[in-house]
Amino acid sequence: MTAASAQMAAGPGAAPPPSAFDPDPIIQITTTFRARIEGVADPRDVPSATAQDTARRLLYNMAANECLVLAEYWKAECRLSSLAVDSLETIGGLAVQPQVPSLFGTAIYELRPTSPRR
C-alpha cells in the first residue's frame, strides 16, 4: 500500500509559499508505505524483534527507492527530508481474516526541478 500527496514547501517568514513556477521552486511530496511483519502465527502474538527489524528495513528501502522514482519522473533533485516509522498496527478487523501486523512509514521528499516540465 502506498499513498502520496504533493504540496509546495512553505518558506520562512511572512512571504507566501513559492510556486512551482518560481525560478527556484521546491516541490514537497509525502508518501506512506506499509510493510507486513512476517512470521506471526496468531495476530495477538507480538512479532519478534528480528521480524520488526526486517519490516523496518523494508520501509527504509521503499523510501530510498521512491526518491529515485520521483527524481526520474519529475526530472528533479530529490532529498528525503524525513521518514517516520509508525507504531505496529494490525490490518483487518474482526470480520476480516487473517489480521496482518504491519509497520507504516511516512516519508516527506523535497524536489528541486533540474529542467522545466512541459
C-alpha atoms as a PDB file:
ATOM      1  CA  MET A   1       0.000   0.000   0.000  1.00  0.00           C
ATOM      2  CA  THR A   2       1.411   3.384  -0.973  1.00  0.00           C
ATOM      3  CA  ALA A   3      -0.278   6.778  -0.824  1.00  0.00           C
ATOM      4  CA  ALA A   4       1.164  10.119  -1.892  1.00  0.00           C
ATOM      5  CA  SER A   5       0.375  13.823  -1.815  1.00  0.00           C
ATOM      6  CA  ALA A   6       2.266  16.859  -3.098  1.00  0.00           C
ATOM      7  CA  GLN A   7       2.404  20.435  -1.927  1.00  0.00           C
ATOM      8  CA  MET A   8       4.695  23.425  -2.096  1.00  0.00           C
ATOM      9  CA  ALA A   9       7.102  23.858   0.819  1.00  0.00           C
ATOM     10  CA  ALA A  10       6.408  26.985   2.883  1.00  0.00           C
ATOM     11  CA  GLY A  11       9.339  29.353   3.122  1.00  0.00           C
ATOM     12  CA  PRO A  12      10.435  31.076   6.337  1.00  0.00           C
ATOM     13  CA  GLY A  13       8.998  34.465   7.267  1.00  0.00           C
ATOM     14  CA  ALA A  14       5.794  36.109   6.086  1.00  0.00           C
ATOM     15  CA  ALA A  15       6.433  35.577   2.364  1.00  0.00           C
ATOM     16  CA  PRO A  16       3.904  33.440   0.527  1.00  0.00           C
ATOM     17  CA  PRO A  17       4.984  29.883  -0.265  1.00  0.00           C
ATOM     18  CA  PRO A  18       6.937  29.528  -3.510  1.00  0.00           C
ATOM     19  CA  SER A  19       5.106  28.458  -6.607  1.00  0.00           C
ATOM     20  CA  ALA A  20       6.108  25.612  -8.910  1.00  0.00           C
ATOM     21  CA  PHE A  21       6.586  28.386 -11.465  1.00  0.00           C
ATOM     22  CA  ASP A  22       9.082  30.395  -9.384  1.00  0.00           C
ATOM     23  CA  PRO A  23      12.706  30.460 -10.542  1.00  0.00           C
ATOM     24  CA  ASP A  24      13.798  28.260  -7.612  1.00  0.00           C
ATOM     25  CA  PRO A  25      10.810  26.037  -6.790  1.00  0.00           C
ATOM     26  CA  ILE A  26      10.721  23.238  -4.256  1.00  0.00           C
ATOM     27  CA  ILE A  27       8.016  20.610  -4.575  1.00  0.00           C
ATOM     28  CA  GLN A  28       7.209  18.649  -1.419  1.00  0.00           C
ATOM     29  CA  ILE A  29       5.744  15.137  -1.724  1.00  0.00           C
ATOM     30  CA  THR A  30       4.529  12.980   1.157  1.00  0.00           C
ATOM     31  CA  THR A  31       4.224   9.218   0.691  1.00  0.00           C
ATOM     32  CA  THR A  32       3.012   6.491   3.051  1.00  0.00           C
ATOM     33  CA  PHE A  33       4.306   2.913   2.881  1.00  0.00           C
ATOM     34  CA  ARG A  34       3.235  -0.302   4.603  1.00  0.00           C
ATOM     35  CA  ALA A  35       5.443  -3.297   5.366  1.00  0.00           C
ATOM     36  CA  ARG A  36       3.912  -6.542   6.579  1.00  0.00           C
ATOM     37  CA  ILE A  37       5.580  -8.235   9.518  1.00  0.00           C
ATOM     38  CA  GLU A  38       6.025 -11.880   8.634  1.00  0.00           C
ATOM     39  CA  GLY A  39       6.239 -14.895  10.914  1.00  0.00           C
ATOM     40  CA  VAL A  40       3.368 -14.229  13.326  1.00  0.00           C
ATOM     41  CA  ALA A  41       1.135 -17.259  13.703  1.00  0.00           C
ATOM     42  CA  ASP A  42      -1.511 -15.590  15.883  1.00  0.00           C
ATOM     43  CA  PRO A  43      -2.454 -11.897  15.362  1.00  0.00           C
ATOM     44  CA  ARG A  44      -2.372 -11.477  19.164  1.00  0.00           C
ATOM     45  CA  ASP A  45       1.327 -12.500  19.289  1.00  0.00           C
ATOM     46  CA  VAL A  46       3.959  -9.796  19.460  1.00  0.00           C
ATOM     47  CA  PRO A  47       6.282 -10.057  16.438  1.00  0.00           C
ATOM     48  CA  SER A  48       9.915 -10.857  17.163  1.00  0.00           C
ATOM     49  CA  ALA A  49      12.485  -8.059  17.153  1.00  0.00           C
ATOM     50  CA  THR A  50      14.061  -9.641  14.061  1.00  0.00           C
ATOM     51  CA  ALA A  51      10.739  -9.619  12.170  1.00  0.00           C
ATOM     52  CA  GLN A  52      10.142  -5.981  13.154  1.00  0.00           C
ATOM     53  CA  ASP A  53      13.685  -5.026  12.059  1.00  0.00           C
ATOM     54  CA  THR A  54      13.138  -6.738   8.702  1.00  0.00           C
ATOM     55  CA  ALA A  55       9.909  -4.783   8.146  1.00  0.00           C
ATOM     56  CA  ARG A  56      11.614  -1.538   9.203  1.00  0.00           C
ATOM     57  CA  ARG A  57      14.472  -2.138   6.736  1.00  0.00           C
ATOM     58  CA  LEU A  58      11.891  -2.785   4.027  1.00  0.00           C
ATOM     59  CA  LEU A  59      10.348   0.622   4.767  1.00  0.00           C
ATOM     60  CA  TYR A  60      13.793   2.264   4.544  1.00  0.00           C
ATOM     61  CA  ASN A  61      14.391   0.625   1.154  1.00  0.00           C
ATOM     62  CA  MET A  62      10.947   1.679  -0.088  1.00  0.00           C
ATOM     63  CA  ALA A  63      11.643   5.272   0.954  1.00  0.00           C
ATOM     64  CA  ALA A  64      15.059   5.330  -0.747  1.00  0.00           C
ATOM     65  CA  ASN A  65      13.701   3.783  -3.952  1.00  0.00           C
ATOM     66  CA  GLU A  66      10.782   6.217  -4.031  1.00  0.00           C
ATOM     67  CA  CYS A  67      13.229   9.129  -4.127  1.00  0.00           C
ATOM     68  CA  LEU A  68      14.855   7.598  -7.222  1.00  0.00           C
ATOM     69  CA  VAL A  69      11.457   7.236  -8.925  1.00  0.00           C
ATOM     70  CA  LEU A  70      10.407  10.782  -8.016  1.00  0.00           C
ATOM     71  CA  ALA A  71      13.707  12.227  -9.287  1.00  0.00           C
ATOM     72  CA  GLU A  72      13.316  10.435 -12.602  1.00  0.00           C
ATOM     73  CA  TYR A  73       9.637  11.301 -13.051  1.00  0.00           C
ATOM     74  CA  TRP A  74       9.881  14.962 -12.044  1.00  0.00           C
ATOM     75  CA  LYS A  75      13.344  15.475 -13.605  1.00  0.00           C
ATOM     76  CA  ALA A  76      14.417  16.835 -10.248  1.00  0.00           C
ATOM     77  CA  GLU A  77      16.928  16.502  -7.468  1.00  0.00           C
ATOM     78  CA  CYS A  78      15.255  14.512  -4.700  1.00  0.00           C
ATOM     79  CA  ARG A  79      16.017  14.742  -0.997  1.00  0.00           C
ATOM     80  CA  LEU A  80      14.330  12.638   1.659  1.00  0.00           C
ATOM     81  CA  SER A  81      13.697  15.273   4.319  1.00  0.00           C
ATOM     82  CA  SER A  82      12.036  12.989   6.888  1.00  0.00           C
ATOM     83  CA  LEU A  83      10.867   9.438   7.449  1.00  0.00           C
ATOM     84  CA  ALA A  84       8.615   8.479  10.351  1.00  0.00           C
ATOM     85  CA  VAL A  85       8.033   4.810  11.103  1.00  0.00           C
ATOM     86  CA  ASP A  86       4.700   4.463  12.823  1.00  0.00           C
ATOM     87  CA  SER A  87       3.941   2.020  15.571  1.00  0.00           C
ATOM     88  CA  LEU A  88       2.968  -1.551  14.947  1.00  0.00           C
ATOM     89  CA  GLU A  89      -0.634  -1.888  13.835  1.00  0.00           C
ATOM     90  CA  THR A  90      -2.855  -4.733  12.764  1.00  0.00           C
ATOM     91  CA  ILE A  91      -4.630  -4.542   9.420  1.00  0.00           C
ATOM     92  CA  GLY A  92      -8.080  -6.071   9.286  1.00  0.00           C
ATOM     93  CA  GLY A  93     -10.948  -6.262  11.659  1.00  0.00           C
ATOM     94  CA  LEU A  94     -12.962  -8.845  13.454  1.00  0.00           C
ATOM     95  CA  ALA A  95     -14.789  -9.728  10.243  1.00  0.00           C
ATOM     96  CA  VAL A  96     -11.618  -9.690   8.119  1.00  0.00           C
ATOM     97  CA  GLN A  97      -9.311 -12.693   8.438  1.00  0.00           C
ATOM     98  CA  PRO A  98      -6.438 -13.022   8.753  1.00  0.00           C
ATOM     99  CA  GLN A  99      -5.209  -9.918  10.511  1.00  0.00           C
ATOM    100  CA  VAL A 100      -1.776  -8.799   9.332  1.00  0.00           C
ATOM    101  CA  PRO A 101       0.647  -6.999  11.663  1.00  0.00           C
ATOM    102  CA  SER A 102       2.374  -4.170   9.802  1.00  0.00           C
ATOM    103  CA  LEU A 103       4.625  -1.153  10.201  1.00  0.00           C
ATOM    104  CA  PHE A 104       3.856   2.091   8.410  1.00  0.00           C
ATOM    105  CA  GLY A 105       6.302   4.711   7.218  1.00  0.00           C
ATOM    106  CA  THR A 106       5.561   8.264   6.133  1.00  0.00           C
ATOM    107  CA  ALA A 107       8.258   9.864   4.001  1.00  0.00           C
ATOM    108  CA  ILE A 108       8.499  13.520   3.024  1.00  0.00           C
ATOM    109  CA  TYR A 109      10.574  14.392  -0.035  1.00  0.00           C
ATOM    110  CA  GLU A 110      11.743  17.736  -1.347  1.00  0.00           C
ATOM    111  CA  LEU A 111      12.185  18.013  -5.093  1.00  0.00           C
ATOM    112  CA  ARG A 112      14.059  20.759  -6.876  1.00  0.00           C
ATOM    113  CA  PRO A 113      13.396  20.535 -10.628  1.00  0.00           C
ATOM    114  CA  THR A 114      16.564  20.372 -12.749  1.00  0.00           C
ATOM    115  CA  SER A 115      14.762  21.197 -16.011  1.00  0.00           C
ATOM    116  CA  PRO A 116      11.453  22.861 -16.863  1.00  0.00           C
ATOM    117  CA  ARG A 117       8.472  20.462 -17.200  1.00  0.00           C
ATOM    118  CA  ARG A 118       6.395  20.761 -20.333  1.00  0.00           C
END
